[in-house]
Protein backbone atom coordinates (compact mmCIF):
# COMPACT_ATOMS: atom_id res chain seq x y z
CA UNK A 1 132.44 121.56 60.94
CA UNK A 2 130.23 120.18 63.22
CA UNK A 3 126.73 119.01 62.63
CA UNK A 4 123.93 118.67 65.55
CA UNK A 5 121.52 118.62 63.56
CA UNK A 6 120.44 115.15 64.29
CA UNK A 7 121.76 114.62 67.94
CA UNK A 8 118.58 114.37 69.88
CA UNK A 9 117.69 111.00 67.67
CA UNK A 10 121.40 109.38 68.44
CA UNK A 11 120.24 109.82 72.72
CA UNK A 12 118.23 107.45 74.13
CA UNK A 13 116.08 108.78 76.74
CA UNK A 14 113.86 111.82 74.81
CA UNK A 15 115.98 114.78 75.38
CA UNK A 16 116.05 118.35 74.24
CA UNK A 17 118.88 119.43 71.95
CA UNK A 18 120.31 123.17 71.48
CA UNK A 19 123.56 123.37 69.69
CA UNK A 20 125.38 126.69 68.55
CA UNK A 21 128.36 126.78 66.61
CA UNK A 22 129.17 129.98 68.26
CA UNK A 23 128.56 130.16 72.66
CA UNK A 24 129.63 132.53 75.54
CA UNK A 25 129.02 128.45 78.11
CA UNK A 26 126.82 125.97 77.50
CA UNK A 27 126.61 125.68 81.25
CA UNK A 28 125.45 129.15 81.91
CA UNK A 29 122.83 128.35 78.46
CA UNK A 30 120.60 125.59 80.20
CA UNK A 31 121.60 127.14 84.00
CA UNK A 32 119.19 130.10 82.00
CA UNK A 33 116.16 128.15 81.03
CA UNK A 34 112.87 127.54 82.73
CA UNK A 35 112.66 124.49 85.12
CA UNK A 36 111.25 121.55 83.41
CA UNK A 37 111.83 117.68 83.84
CA UNK A 38 112.91 117.08 80.47
CA UNK A 39 116.48 115.69 80.13
CA UNK A 40 117.90 119.40 78.21
CA UNK A 41 121.40 119.01 76.29
CA UNK A 42 123.20 122.21 75.09
CA UNK A 43 126.42 122.17 72.62
CA UNK A 44 128.51 124.49 70.76
CA UNK A 45 131.27 123.96 68.87
CA UNK A 46 133.21 126.98 70.56
CA UNK A 47 132.98 128.24 74.09
CA UNK A 48 133.61 131.78 74.12
CA UNK A 49 134.04 131.80 77.79
CA UNK A 50 134.26 127.95 79.17
CA UNK A 51 134.02 127.77 83.11
CA UNK A 52 136.30 125.33 85.34
CA UNK A 53 136.37 124.28 88.46
CA UNK A 54 136.39 127.51 90.94
CA UNK A 55 135.94 129.86 88.70
CA UNK A 56 138.48 129.04 86.23
CA UNK A 57 138.26 129.14 82.28
CA UNK A 58 137.82 126.16 79.89
CA UNK A 59 140.35 126.46 77.31
CA UNK A 60 139.55 124.75 73.77
CA UNK A 61 139.16 125.47 70.12
CA UNK A 62 136.69 125.89 67.35
CA UNK A 63 134.99 122.52 65.86
CA UNK A 64 138.35 121.41 68.25
CA UNK A 65 136.72 119.92 71.37
CA UNK A 66 133.62 118.20 72.74
CA UNK A 67 131.96 121.25 74.35
CA UNK A 68 128.63 120.38 76.39
CA UNK A 69 126.25 119.98 78.82
CA UNK A 70 123.28 118.58 80.37
CA UNK A 71 120.26 119.20 82.36
CA UNK A 72 119.23 116.13 84.68
CA UNK A 73 116.20 115.98 86.99
CA UNK A 74 117.30 113.96 90.25
CA UNK A 75 114.48 114.08 93.51
CA UNK A 76 115.62 116.42 96.11
CA UNK A 77 115.76 113.83 98.34
CA UNK A 78 118.90 111.77 96.97
CA UNK A 79 122.46 112.65 97.85
CA UNK A 80 124.00 114.01 95.38
CA UNK A 81 127.74 113.84 97.09
CA UNK A 82 130.23 111.57 93.91
CA UNK A 83 127.94 112.24 90.91
CA UNK A 84 131.07 114.40 89.64
CA UNK A 85 132.12 111.06 90.16
CA UNK A 86 129.91 108.67 88.32
CA UNK A 87 130.46 111.22 85.67
CA UNK A 88 133.75 110.89 85.27
CA UNK A 89 133.12 106.98 85.00
CA UNK A 90 130.07 107.37 82.10
CA UNK A 91 133.13 109.76 80.03
CA UNK A 92 135.15 106.53 80.97
CA UNK A 93 133.19 103.69 79.70
CA UNK A 94 132.49 105.73 76.03
CA UNK A 95 136.34 105.81 75.78
CA UNK A 96 135.75 102.28 76.61
CA UNK A 97 133.35 101.93 73.74
CA UNK A 98 135.65 102.83 71.42
CA UNK A 99 138.65 100.62 72.80
CA UNK A 100 140.36 102.63 74.32
CA UNK A 101 142.24 101.44 77.90
CA UNK A 102 144.51 103.30 80.38
CA UNK A 103 141.86 106.38 81.30
CA UNK A 104 141.83 107.66 84.29
CA UNK A 105 140.20 109.41 86.45
CA UNK A 106 141.54 112.13 89.03
CA UNK A 107 139.43 113.35 91.84
CA UNK A 108 136.58 115.12 91.46
CA UNK A 109 136.46 115.76 87.65
CA UNK A 110 139.37 114.78 85.59
CA UNK A 111 140.08 112.73 82.58
CA UNK A 112 143.71 111.81 82.61
CA UNK A 113 145.04 110.20 79.83
CA UNK A 114 148.93 108.21 80.90
CA UNK A 115 149.63 111.95 82.80
CA UNK A 116 147.32 114.08 80.38
CA UNK A 117 144.36 115.57 80.49
CA UNK A 118 142.13 114.71 78.56
CA UNK A 119 138.52 116.18 79.20
CA UNK A 120 137.14 117.93 82.59
CA UNK A 121 133.40 118.22 84.50
CA UNK A 122 132.15 120.95 85.58
CA UNK A 123 128.75 119.96 87.54
CA UNK A 124 126.90 123.22 88.67
CA UNK A 125 122.62 122.38 90.84
CA UNK A 126 120.12 123.92 92.35
CA UNK A 127 117.10 123.61 93.77
CA UNK A 128 113.96 123.28 92.12
CA UNK A 129 110.94 122.55 94.77
CA UNK A 130 110.60 118.43 94.99
CA UNK A 131 113.81 118.14 92.75
CA UNK A 132 117.25 118.88 92.09
CA UNK A 133 118.52 120.51 88.38
CA UNK A 134 121.47 118.90 87.59
CA UNK A 135 123.61 121.26 84.63
CA UNK A 136 126.45 119.25 83.85
CA UNK A 137 129.65 120.70 81.50
CA UNK A 138 132.21 118.27 79.99
CA UNK A 139 135.00 119.96 77.62
CA UNK A 140 136.82 117.16 75.83
CA UNK A 141 139.69 117.93 73.81
CA UNK A 142 138.70 115.90 70.52
CA UNK A 143 141.87 117.37 68.29
CA UNK A 144 143.12 120.59 69.09
CA UNK A 145 145.82 122.32 66.67
CA UNK A 146 149.55 122.49 67.80
CA UNK A 147 149.15 126.27 68.43
CA UNK A 148 146.79 125.44 71.26
CA UNK A 149 148.70 126.86 74.64
CA UNK A 150 147.54 125.58 78.03
CA UNK A 151 149.81 126.07 81.14
CA UNK A 152 148.66 122.26 82.14
CA UNK A 153 149.36 118.96 80.44
CA UNK A 154 147.03 117.61 77.56
CA UNK A 155 146.16 115.54 74.90
CA UNK A 156 143.39 114.80 72.63
CA UNK A 157 141.50 112.52 70.98
CA UNK A 158 142.85 112.23 67.86
CA UNK A 159 146.40 111.79 69.64
CA UNK A 160 145.27 108.24 70.85
CA UNK A 161 143.07 106.67 68.14
CA UNK A 162 144.55 106.67 64.36
CA UNK A 163 140.28 107.38 63.81
CA UNK A 164 138.85 108.82 65.74
CA UNK A 165 134.52 109.06 65.10
CA UNK A 166 133.18 111.79 63.77
CA UNK A 167 132.45 114.61 66.16
CA UNK A 168 129.05 113.98 66.77
CA UNK A 169 129.15 110.78 66.06
CA UNK A 170 131.42 110.85 69.73
CA UNK A 171 129.19 113.75 71.31
CA UNK A 172 126.38 111.33 71.46
CA UNK A 173 127.73 108.25 72.86
CA UNK A 174 129.17 110.32 75.47
CA UNK A 175 126.19 111.73 76.22
CA UNK A 176 124.33 108.00 76.59
CA UNK A 177 126.93 106.32 78.69
CA UNK A 178 126.59 109.29 81.16
CA UNK A 179 122.93 110.02 80.94
CA UNK A 180 123.21 105.48 81.40
CA UNK A 181 124.88 106.76 85.51
CA UNK A 182 122.70 109.48 86.18
CA UNK A 183 119.98 106.89 85.67
CA UNK A 184 122.11 104.30 88.07
CA UNK A 185 123.14 106.14 90.08
CA UNK A 186 119.25 108.11 90.27
CA UNK A 187 118.97 103.87 91.57
CA UNK A 188 121.52 102.75 93.65
CA UNK A 189 123.73 105.55 94.63
CA UNK A 190 127.34 106.36 95.10
CA UNK A 191 128.36 102.57 95.92
CA UNK A 192 126.88 101.06 92.93
CA UNK A 193 129.92 102.52 91.19
CA UNK A 194 132.65 102.31 94.15
CA UNK A 195 134.30 99.15 93.19
CA UNK A 196 134.71 100.53 89.32
CA UNK A 197 136.17 104.28 90.86
CA UNK A 198 138.32 101.47 91.95
CA UNK A 199 140.02 100.04 88.97
CA UNK A 200 140.28 103.83 87.23
CA UNK A 201 141.88 106.07 90.33
CA UNK A 202 144.04 107.79 88.96
CA UNK A 203 145.62 109.88 92.82
CA UNK A 204 145.47 106.18 94.77
CA UNK A 205 148.87 105.77 96.09
CA UNK A 206 149.93 108.86 94.88
CA UNK A 207 151.54 111.37 97.73
CA UNK A 208 149.88 114.83 97.42
CA UNK A 209 150.28 118.09 99.57
CA UNK A 210 147.78 118.89 102.21
CA UNK A 211 146.37 122.35 103.26
CA UNK A 212 144.70 121.89 105.80
CA UNK A 213 143.23 124.86 108.01
CA UNK A 214 146.23 126.73 106.70
CA UNK A 215 148.62 123.39 107.41
CA UNK A 216 150.95 121.73 104.32
CA UNK A 217 151.19 118.46 105.57
CA UNK A 218 152.05 115.82 103.54
CA UNK A 219 149.53 111.96 102.47
CA UNK A 220 149.18 109.22 101.00
CA UNK A 221 145.92 108.79 98.91
CA UNK A 222 144.48 105.69 100.00
CA UNK A 223 140.78 106.50 97.55
CA UNK A 224 137.63 107.72 98.93
CA UNK A 225 134.70 107.05 100.80
CA UNK A 226 131.22 106.71 100.67
CA UNK A 227 130.86 109.71 99.90
CA UNK A 228 132.90 110.71 96.82
CA UNK A 229 135.76 112.54 99.74
CA UNK A 230 139.14 111.71 99.04
CA UNK A 231 140.66 109.65 101.73
CA UNK A 232 144.81 111.09 102.45
CA UNK A 233 146.73 109.33 105.40
CA UNK A 234 148.79 111.70 107.22
CA UNK A 235 150.78 110.05 109.73
CA UNK A 236 148.79 106.99 110.29
CA UNK A 237 145.08 109.46 110.32
CA UNK A 238 142.92 109.07 107.88
CA UNK A 239 142.13 112.84 106.88
CA UNK A 240 138.51 113.38 104.50
CA UNK A 241 139.06 115.92 101.59
CA UNK A 242 135.92 117.50 100.34
CA UNK A 243 138.12 119.67 98.03
CA UNK A 244 140.09 119.42 95.18
CA UNK A 245 141.17 123.07 96.36
CA UNK A 246 142.38 121.46 99.90
CA UNK A 247 145.24 119.15 97.88
CA UNK A 248 148.29 118.63 95.10
CA UNK A 249 150.02 116.20 93.60
CA UNK A 250 153.58 115.76 94.54
């Protein structure tokens, strides 16, 4: 069983930590707290109502996944466009620190190794006066048992490296890399990360089906723009896509 009692001491900036054996949703827990400018972390061994994008469920097993959320405050004038991409790059850099290569990011919020999903990110934000309170949810497959059932192809860390770090140490590593990227994003915006994104972009040059105003189009992904939107070329025309609901990999 994971013991997160020492987690705050492993995080470089001052943070407030809430650790649970089981909880409905780490994102919901932090969102319900009174506003604070202190970065807050909620981590659990089990989520009973884990959340994915567009009200989907995030499936996991107890003591088998990293399940955490970070509530971080940004200034109200900062554009948050592309923040999920920056968080994904933080996850990539943490995994690279473990010697794991070939990690890719599927726009806008999935972490892939090979053709399988290793982790997902969910971002929710609210305005609090002169601040934007952002809750960053991360679920990463650590060591799933064979009876784990999920419709999408998945992979876990135990399948990638022989001796994964303790889940507590892995969680601290991920949080530190994510918070470092949050600070860089606040100072430099998405532009600072565009070259890094190009190196791990899972979708570039892949064919996708677009749903634009209920019209189906076939195009090829050409990366992202300066606002973090996906660029798809259809018959020589570049189309900006702002929602993953609009695309399907084919």
